[in-house]
Amino acid sequence: QVQLVESGGGLVQPGGSLTLSCAASGFTASLYAISWYRQYPGKERELVAEITNAVRSTIYADSVKGRFTISRDTSKNSWYLQMNSLKPEDTAVYYCHAQVIVGRIVDYWGQGTQVTVSS
């Protein structure tokens, strides 16, 4: 069973940095990509960043380009979201998301971690 466990959220001042971690386990099938999404209260989740597993290609939301970096450590089966120059509008719940190929693509989600950017 696929499990994704996020950590690293918290309170940070504007301009500060945080690194979110996603520890993954249970991949018995082929992992296609890991993504980070965020969700504002009353809104749908939105894609923040994605990294594909095979070729490590990355995509970022325009709002975070140049500030956030997605990466992975295959030795630890972990993925990271380095967030720099944080803004109050980055305040949200951040979710780790996995796309696993099992004949078709199956989605898995972590439990989410709160990021609050405030002075």
Protein backbone atom coordinates (compact mmCIF):
# COMPACT_ATOMS: atom_id res chain seq x y z
CA GLN A 1 0.00 0.00 0.00
CA VAL A 2 1.34 3.39 -1.02
CA GLN A 3 1.90 5.82 1.84
CA LEU A 4 3.01 9.44 1.62
CA VAL A 5 3.96 11.29 4.79
CA GLU A 6 4.64 15.02 4.65
CA SER A 7 6.63 17.00 7.18
CA GLY A 8 8.35 20.34 7.51
CA GLY A 9 5.45 22.75 7.58
CA GLY A 10 5.17 25.53 10.11
CA LEU A 11 5.16 29.25 10.70
CA VAL A 12 7.68 31.44 8.92
CA GLN A 13 8.08 35.17 8.40
CA PRO A 14 7.72 36.73 4.96
CA GLY A 15 10.96 36.35 3.04
CA GLY A 16 11.88 33.24 4.98
CA SER A 17 12.40 29.66 3.85
CA LEU A 18 10.98 26.23 4.58
CA THR A 19 11.65 22.78 3.22
CA LEU A 20 8.80 20.30 2.99
CA SER A 21 9.56 16.58 2.90
CA CYS A 22 7.51 13.70 1.53
CA ALA A 23 8.52 10.22 2.63
CA ALA A 24 7.09 7.59 0.31
CA SER A 25 6.68 3.85 0.75
CA GLY A 26 4.82 0.94 -0.77
CA PHE A 27 5.55 1.55 -4.43
CA THR A 28 5.02 -1.90 -5.84
CA ALA A 29 4.29 -0.50 -9.28
CA SER A 30 5.91 2.12 -11.44
CA LEU A 31 6.01 5.63 -10.07
CA TYR A 32 5.31 8.20 -12.77
CA ALA A 33 5.66 11.45 -10.84
CA ILE A 34 5.59 13.15 -7.46
CA SER A 35 3.91 16.52 -7.13
CA TRP A 36 3.29 19.11 -4.47
CA TYR A 37 -0.14 20.72 -4.36
CA ARG A 38 -1.51 23.38 -2.06
CA GLN A 39 -5.00 24.21 -0.97
CA TYR A 40 -6.44 27.47 0.32
CA PRO A 41 -9.57 27.40 2.52
CA GLY A 42 -12.64 26.87 0.39
CA LYS A 43 -10.60 26.40 -2.78
CA GLU A 44 -9.56 23.41 -4.86
CA ARG A 45 -6.05 22.05 -4.66
CA GLU A 46 -3.64 23.61 -7.10
CA LEU A 47 -0.43 22.23 -8.54
CA VAL A 48 2.70 23.85 -7.14
CA ALA A 49 5.47 21.68 -8.58
CA GLU A 50 6.00 18.26 -10.15
CA ILE A 51 8.97 16.04 -10.87
CA THR A 52 8.74 12.96 -13.07
CA ASN A 53 10.48 9.84 -11.90
CA ALA A 54 12.10 8.55 -15.10
CA VAL A 55 13.62 11.68 -16.60
CA ARG A 56 13.31 14.05 -13.61
CA SER A 57 11.62 16.73 -15.65
CA THR A 58 10.05 19.45 -13.54
CA ILE A 59 7.19 21.90 -13.83
CA TYR A 60 6.25 24.78 -11.56
CA ALA A 61 3.27 27.02 -11.09
CA ASP A 62 4.01 30.52 -12.36
CA SER A 63 3.46 31.91 -8.86
CA VAL A 64 6.37 29.93 -7.42
CA LYS A 65 8.89 29.87 -10.30
CA GLY A 66 12.28 31.04 -9.16
CA ARG A 67 11.35 30.65 -5.49
CA PHE A 68 10.47 26.97 -5.03
CA THR A 69 12.50 23.91 -6.00
CA ILE A 70 11.30 20.32 -6.12
CA SER A 71 13.86 17.56 -5.70
CA ARG A 72 14.23 13.94 -4.68
CA ASP A 73 16.60 11.66 -2.78
CA THR A 74 16.11 8.18 -4.17
CA SER A 75 18.32 6.66 -1.46
CA LYS A 76 15.77 7.82 1.11
CA ASN A 77 12.68 7.42 -1.09
CA SER A 78 11.92 11.02 -0.26
CA TRP A 79 10.96 14.12 -2.19
CA TYR A 80 11.34 17.72 -1.12
CA LEU A 81 9.96 21.17 -1.80
CA GLN A 82 12.44 23.91 -0.97
CA MET A 83 10.51 27.15 -0.56
CA ASN A 84 12.41 30.44 -0.50
CA SER A 85 11.31 34.07 -0.40
CA LEU A 86 8.02 33.02 1.08
CA LYS A 87 5.05 35.36 0.81
CA PRO A 88 1.84 35.57 2.86
CA GLU A 89 -0.04 34.26 -0.18
CA ASP A 90 1.94 31.02 0.07
CA THR A 91 0.00 30.27 3.25
CA ALA A 92 -1.90 27.03 2.59
CA VAL A 93 -2.02 23.33 3.33
CA TYR A 94 0.56 21.57 1.18
CA TYR A 95 0.01 18.01 -0.04
CA CYS A 96 2.35 15.45 -1.50
CA HIS A 97 0.82 13.60 -4.45
CA ALA A 98 2.01 10.48 -6.29
CA GLN A 99 0.97 9.16 -9.68
CA VAL A 100 1.58 5.42 -9.93
CA ILE A 101 1.15 3.42 -13.12
CA VAL A 102 -0.85 0.23 -12.58
CA GLY A 103 -2.16 -0.30 -16.08
CA ARG A 104 -3.60 3.17 -15.60
CA ILE A 105 -2.46 6.09 -13.46
CA VAL A 106 -3.58 5.88 -9.83
CA ASP A 107 -3.39 8.92 -7.55
CA TYR A 108 -2.22 8.88 -3.93
CA TRP A 109 -2.21 11.76 -1.44
CA GLY A 110 -0.47 12.53 1.79
CA GLN A 111 -2.26 13.97 4.82
CA GLY A 112 -1.06 17.52 4.21
CA THR A 113 1.09 19.94 6.16
CA GLN A 114 0.23 23.53 7.06
CA VAL A 115 2.50 26.36 5.91
CA THR A 116 1.81 29.78 7.40
CA VAL A 117 3.71 32.85 6.25
CA SER A 118 3.11 35.73 8.62
CA SER A 119 4.93 38.37 10.59
